[in-house]
Amino acid sequence: MKKISFLIVFFISFFFISCEEVVDVDLDTAPPKLVIEAAINWKKGTAGNQQTIKLSTTTGYFENVIPVVSGAVVYIKNIKNQQFNFTEVPKTGRYVCNNFKPEIEGQYTLTVISRGNTYTASETLKSVAPITRMEQNNEGGITGTDIEVRAFYTDPGDEDNFYLFKYTYSNKVTSSYYVSEDKFYQGNEIFSSSDDEDLKTGDNIEITHYGISKQYYNYMTILVSIAGSNVGGPFQSPPATVKGNIINTTDKTNYPLGYFSLSEIDTKQYKIE
């Protein structure tokens, strides 16, 4: 019996010693790509003149710092050939415009010139149906015990509309995103809903609805399916190579990551009761 006990202790000790061995994993490092976060969002009830575009590059998997891109030329033109210049906040990779003029169904072209390459994209600014009311359901989820929050809106019946929904929770670091099209509810009242199973009394939620183009809807559908709904943001570098609408006119093979979008948005704050 003592011999059997000794053997058991020996094998357990051997197992734990083996688990402490360091294993080096070689990861392929691809050349860094430019990441363009160009989301022009016009919040209902505001002038929409202040807008920001961020430039960075991809980096190694284990790196904690995202390299910013400085010294670029960034501007947007509308169909009237009006140019809106974005000026960098020194050494931040954040390019700011204070005189942008948003116009529903307005067509805009983005140009970014950086490190000898020119990047361009064109998009249309889409409207969004306003959030009309909020509703809390304390018997939501599969089990019927989760707290669920719904944000209602009435979809316009005379056009095809596409939506992006963003839910930011006070009890989470990341936000949740998902997309929808009005194919099956055109002209009717409908809602977006929360997806946090851990909501409790006192938690805060920020709900944002974006009006988006069909092309951006298709892009976000792929992105969310790869990354899941809980992602850092649709304008950041995705976990897999998903091409956006921005092209490199200097070298088409060296395409950037990111997307140029223009949306009217509506935002509401809600506190769980």
Protein backbone atom coordinates (compact mmCIF):
# COMPACT_ATOMS: atom_id res chain seq x y z
CA MET A 1 0.00 0.00 0.00
CA LYS A 2 2.87 2.36 0.85
CA LYS A 3 4.51 1.55 -2.51
CA ILE A 4 1.34 2.47 -4.40
CA SER A 5 1.05 5.77 -2.48
CA PHE A 6 4.69 6.58 -3.28
CA LEU A 7 4.12 5.98 -7.00
CA ILE A 8 1.05 8.23 -7.01
CA VAL A 9 2.99 11.06 -5.33
CA PHE A 10 5.88 10.57 -7.79
CA PHE A 11 3.68 10.83 -10.88
CA ILE A 12 1.78 13.84 -9.53
CA SER A 13 5.07 15.62 -8.80
CA PHE A 14 6.38 14.76 -12.26
CA PHE A 15 3.20 16.11 -13.85
CA PHE A 16 3.45 19.52 -12.13
CA ILE A 17 7.16 19.84 -12.87
CA SER A 18 6.43 19.16 -16.54
CA CYS A 19 3.71 21.82 -16.58
CA GLU A 20 6.22 24.48 -15.55
CA GLU A 21 8.28 24.02 -18.71
CA VAL A 22 8.30 27.14 -20.90
CA VAL A 23 7.19 26.61 -24.48
CA ASP A 24 8.31 29.19 -27.05
CA VAL A 25 5.83 29.75 -29.87
CA ASP A 26 7.04 31.38 -33.06
CA LEU A 27 4.40 33.69 -34.54
CA ASP A 28 4.71 35.02 -38.08
CA THR A 29 4.98 38.80 -38.11
CA ALA A 30 3.36 40.49 -41.09
CA PRO A 31 4.42 43.98 -42.20
CA PRO A 32 2.39 46.62 -40.35
CA LYS A 33 -0.72 47.91 -42.11
CA LEU A 34 -2.26 51.34 -41.83
CA VAL A 35 -5.48 51.37 -39.81
CA ILE A 36 -7.88 54.21 -40.64
CA GLU A 37 -10.69 54.82 -38.13
CA ALA A 38 -12.86 57.24 -40.09
CA ALA A 39 -16.34 57.13 -38.56
CA ILE A 40 -18.13 60.43 -39.14
CA ASN A 41 -21.10 60.45 -36.75
CA TRP A 42 -23.69 63.22 -36.63
CA LYS A 43 -25.60 63.10 -33.37
CA LYS A 44 -29.22 64.25 -33.64
CA GLY A 45 -29.68 67.76 -32.29
CA THR A 46 -26.05 68.82 -32.75
CA ALA A 47 -24.21 70.72 -35.49
CA GLY A 48 -21.97 67.74 -36.24
CA ASN A 49 -19.10 70.07 -37.13
CA GLN A 50 -16.55 68.46 -34.78
CA GLN A 51 -15.23 65.17 -36.17
CA THR A 52 -12.16 63.01 -35.57
CA ILE A 53 -10.23 60.49 -37.67
CA LYS A 54 -7.59 58.23 -36.11
CA LEU A 55 -4.55 56.72 -37.83
CA SER A 56 -2.47 53.87 -36.44
CA THR A 57 -0.76 50.70 -37.63
CA THR A 58 -1.13 47.04 -36.80
CA THR A 59 1.48 45.60 -34.45
CA GLY A 60 2.72 42.33 -32.96
CA TYR A 61 0.32 40.04 -31.13
CA PHE A 62 2.03 40.48 -27.75
CA GLU A 63 2.56 44.24 -28.03
CA ASN A 64 0.55 46.43 -25.64
CA VAL A 65 1.08 49.75 -27.41
CA ILE A 66 -0.69 50.58 -30.68
CA PRO A 67 1.66 52.68 -32.88
CA VAL A 68 0.06 55.95 -34.00
CA VAL A 69 0.66 57.53 -37.40
CA SER A 70 1.66 61.19 -37.40
CA GLY A 71 2.38 63.68 -40.16
CA ALA A 72 -0.37 62.57 -42.53
CA VAL A 73 -2.54 64.79 -44.71
CA VAL A 74 -6.22 64.05 -44.05
CA TYR A 75 -9.27 65.69 -45.59
CA ILE A 76 -12.83 65.03 -46.74
CA LYS A 77 -14.60 66.60 -49.72
CA ASN A 78 -18.34 66.76 -50.37
CA ILE A 79 -20.09 66.68 -53.73
CA LYS A 80 -19.88 70.49 -53.89
CA ASN A 81 -16.07 70.16 -53.75
CA GLN A 82 -15.93 71.77 -50.31
CA GLN A 83 -12.86 70.49 -48.48
CA PHE A 84 -12.78 69.80 -44.75
CA ASN A 85 -9.25 69.50 -43.40
CA PHE A 86 -8.38 67.31 -40.41
CA THR A 87 -5.43 68.59 -38.38
CA GLU A 88 -3.43 66.30 -36.11
CA VAL A 89 -3.31 66.81 -32.39
CA PRO A 90 0.52 66.66 -32.22
CA LYS A 91 1.96 63.12 -32.02
CA THR A 92 -1.35 61.44 -31.20
CA GLY A 93 -2.53 60.08 -34.55
CA ARG A 94 -5.83 61.92 -33.92
CA TYR A 95 -6.84 64.26 -36.72
CA VAL A 96 -9.57 66.77 -35.88
CA CYS A 97 -11.90 68.91 -37.99
CA ASN A 98 -13.99 71.70 -36.44
CA ASN A 99 -15.95 72.90 -39.49
CA PHE A 100 -17.38 69.72 -41.02
CA LYS A 101 -20.81 70.11 -42.65
CA PRO A 102 -22.96 66.97 -42.43
CA GLU A 103 -25.84 66.53 -44.87
CA ILE A 104 -28.25 63.59 -45.02
CA GLU A 105 -27.70 61.63 -48.26
CA GLY A 106 -24.66 63.83 -48.90
CA GLN A 107 -21.83 62.12 -50.76
CA TYR A 108 -18.32 62.47 -49.34
CA THR A 109 -14.81 61.39 -50.33
CA LEU A 110 -12.02 60.76 -47.83
CA THR A 111 -8.35 61.24 -48.71
CA VAL A 112 -5.42 60.22 -46.51
CA ILE A 113 -1.84 60.81 -47.66
CA SER A 114 0.74 59.05 -45.50
CA ARG A 115 4.28 57.80 -46.02
CA GLY A 116 4.20 58.11 -49.79
CA ASN A 117 0.80 56.43 -50.22
CA THR A 118 -2.61 57.94 -50.99
CA TYR A 119 -5.74 56.30 -49.63
CA THR A 120 -9.28 57.18 -50.72
CA ALA A 121 -12.87 56.11 -50.04
CA SER A 122 -16.35 57.41 -50.88
CA GLU A 123 -19.55 57.05 -48.86
CA THR A 124 -23.01 58.57 -48.31
CA LEU A 125 -24.25 59.96 -44.99
CA LYS A 126 -27.29 57.96 -43.90
CA SER A 127 -30.12 59.04 -41.60
CA VAL A 128 -31.40 57.11 -38.59
CA ALA A 129 -34.89 56.76 -37.13
CA PRO A 130 -35.05 58.41 -33.67
CA ILE A 131 -35.29 56.32 -30.50
CA THR A 132 -38.84 56.98 -29.30
CA ARG A 133 -39.00 55.11 -25.99
CA MET A 134 -37.17 52.73 -23.65
CA GLU A 135 -38.56 49.62 -22.00
CA GLN A 136 -37.16 47.36 -19.27
CA ASN A 137 -38.16 43.71 -19.05
CA ASN A 138 -37.15 41.79 -15.94
CA GLU A 139 -38.20 38.42 -17.38
CA GLY A 140 -35.91 38.33 -20.42
CA GLY A 141 -33.33 35.86 -21.69
CA ILE A 142 -33.65 32.12 -22.21
CA THR A 143 -34.31 31.47 -18.53
CA GLY A 144 -36.84 34.29 -18.17
CA THR A 145 -34.87 35.77 -15.26
CA ASP A 146 -32.53 38.22 -17.05
CA ILE A 147 -32.99 41.98 -17.20
CA GLU A 148 -33.43 43.16 -20.78
CA VAL A 149 -33.60 46.73 -22.08
CA ARG A 150 -35.22 47.64 -25.39
CA ALA A 151 -34.84 50.84 -27.40
CA PHE A 152 -37.84 51.37 -29.73
CA TYR A 153 -37.89 53.23 -33.05
CA THR A 154 -40.21 53.43 -36.05
CA ASP A 155 -38.60 52.46 -39.33
CA PRO A 156 -39.41 54.71 -42.33
CA GLY A 157 -41.70 52.83 -44.72
CA ASP A 158 -40.66 54.51 -47.97
CA GLU A 159 -37.03 53.38 -48.14
CA ASP A 160 -34.67 50.53 -47.35
CA ASN A 161 -32.75 51.16 -44.14
CA PHE A 162 -29.76 49.57 -42.47
CA TYR A 163 -28.79 49.98 -38.82
CA LEU A 164 -25.83 49.51 -36.49
CA PHE A 165 -26.62 49.21 -32.77
CA LYS A 166 -24.06 49.83 -30.03
CA TYR A 167 -24.64 49.00 -26.36
CA THR A 168 -22.12 50.22 -23.78
CA TYR A 169 -22.49 48.86 -20.25
CA SER A 170 -21.11 50.31 -17.02
CA ASN A 171 -20.23 46.79 -15.84
CA LYS A 172 -18.21 45.88 -18.95
CA VAL A 173 -15.03 47.13 -20.60
CA THR A 174 -16.08 46.34 -24.17
CA SER A 175 -19.20 47.45 -26.03
CA SER A 176 -21.62 45.22 -27.93
CA TYR A 177 -22.42 45.80 -31.60
CA TYR A 178 -24.89 44.24 -33.98
CA VAL A 179 -26.51 45.17 -37.28
CA SER A 180 -30.01 45.00 -38.72
CA GLU A 181 -31.86 45.67 -41.96
CA ASP A 182 -35.56 46.57 -42.27
CA LYS A 183 -36.38 43.83 -44.78
CA PHE A 184 -38.93 42.21 -42.47
CA TYR A 185 -40.20 45.23 -40.51
CA GLN A 186 -40.20 48.11 -42.98
CA GLY A 187 -42.47 50.93 -41.82
CA ASN A 188 -43.16 49.33 -38.43
CA GLU A 189 -42.14 50.00 -34.85
CA ILE A 190 -39.23 47.78 -33.85
CA PHE A 191 -36.52 47.75 -31.20
CA SER A 192 -32.90 46.96 -30.47
CA SER A 193 -32.16 45.13 -27.23
CA SER A 194 -29.40 44.60 -24.67
CA ASP A 195 -27.44 41.34 -24.53
CA ASP A 196 -25.83 41.54 -21.08
CA GLU A 197 -26.98 38.65 -18.87
CA ASP A 198 -25.43 40.25 -15.78
CA LEU A 199 -27.40 43.50 -15.68
CA LYS A 200 -28.57 44.53 -12.22
CA THR A 201 -30.28 47.45 -10.54
CA GLY A 202 -28.16 50.59 -10.73
CA ASP A 203 -26.20 49.62 -13.87
CA ASN A 204 -26.04 52.21 -16.65
CA ILE A 205 -26.38 51.60 -20.38
CA GLU A 206 -25.61 53.89 -23.28
CA ILE A 207 -27.53 52.92 -26.42
CA THR A 208 -26.55 54.30 -29.83
CA HIS A 209 -28.36 53.69 -33.11
CA TYR A 210 -26.49 54.42 -36.35
CA GLY A 211 -27.98 54.83 -39.81
CA ILE A 212 -25.59 53.05 -42.18
CA SER A 213 -25.22 52.23 -45.87
CA LYS A 214 -25.88 48.78 -47.31
CA GLN A 215 -22.15 48.39 -48.02
CA TYR A 216 -21.24 49.19 -44.43
CA TYR A 217 -23.96 46.81 -43.23
CA ASN A 218 -22.33 44.01 -45.26
CA TYR A 219 -18.90 44.88 -43.84
CA MET A 220 -20.12 44.93 -40.24
CA THR A 221 -22.02 41.67 -40.70
CA ILE A 222 -18.74 39.94 -41.57
CA LEU A 223 -16.79 41.72 -38.83
CA VAL A 224 -19.25 40.90 -36.06
CA SER A 225 -19.52 37.27 -37.20
CA ILE A 226 -15.73 36.93 -36.89
CA ALA A 227 -15.16 38.87 -33.68
CA GLY A 228 -18.49 38.27 -31.96
CA SER A 229 -20.79 41.05 -30.79
CA ASN A 230 -18.51 42.05 -27.89
CA VAL A 231 -15.73 43.82 -29.74
CA GLY A 232 -13.62 46.84 -28.98
CA GLY A 233 -15.15 48.74 -31.89
CA PRO A 234 -15.92 48.34 -35.55
CA PHE A 235 -13.37 50.97 -36.51
CA GLN A 236 -10.41 49.24 -34.93
CA SER A 237 -8.18 46.63 -36.52
CA PRO A 238 -10.28 43.42 -36.77
CA PRO A 239 -9.03 40.02 -35.55
CA ALA A 240 -8.89 38.82 -39.16
CA THR A 241 -8.23 40.58 -42.44
CA VAL A 242 -11.51 42.19 -43.45
CA LYS A 243 -11.18 44.69 -46.28
CA GLY A 244 -13.12 47.91 -45.89
CA ASN A 245 -14.01 50.50 -48.50
CA ILE A 246 -10.71 52.40 -48.34
CA ILE A 247 -8.26 51.73 -51.17
CA ASN A 248 -4.59 52.54 -51.64
CA THR A 249 -4.44 54.31 -55.01
CA THR A 250 -0.62 54.27 -54.93
CA ASP A 251 -0.25 50.52 -54.31
CA LYS A 252 -3.51 48.54 -54.37
CA THR A 253 -1.84 45.46 -52.88
CA ASN A 254 -0.95 47.44 -49.76
CA TYR A 255 -4.52 48.07 -48.68
CA PRO A 256 -5.35 49.60 -45.27
CA LEU A 257 -7.69 48.30 -42.59
CA GLY A 258 -10.73 50.21 -41.38
CA TYR A 259 -13.79 51.78 -42.94
CA PHE A 260 -14.96 55.25 -43.97
CA SER A 261 -18.55 55.61 -42.76
CA LEU A 262 -20.96 58.51 -42.29
CA SER A 263 -23.97 58.13 -40.02
CA GLU A 264 -26.64 60.12 -38.32
CA ILE A 265 -26.88 58.70 -34.81
CA ASP A 266 -29.27 58.80 -31.87
CA THR A 267 -28.05 58.09 -28.34
CA LYS A 268 -29.92 57.45 -25.10
CA GLN A 269 -28.81 56.80 -21.53
CA TYR A 270 -30.68 54.30 -19.36
CA LYS A 271 -30.28 53.28 -15.71
CA ILE A 272 -31.50 49.84 -14.64
CA GLU A 273 -34.35 50.21 -12.14
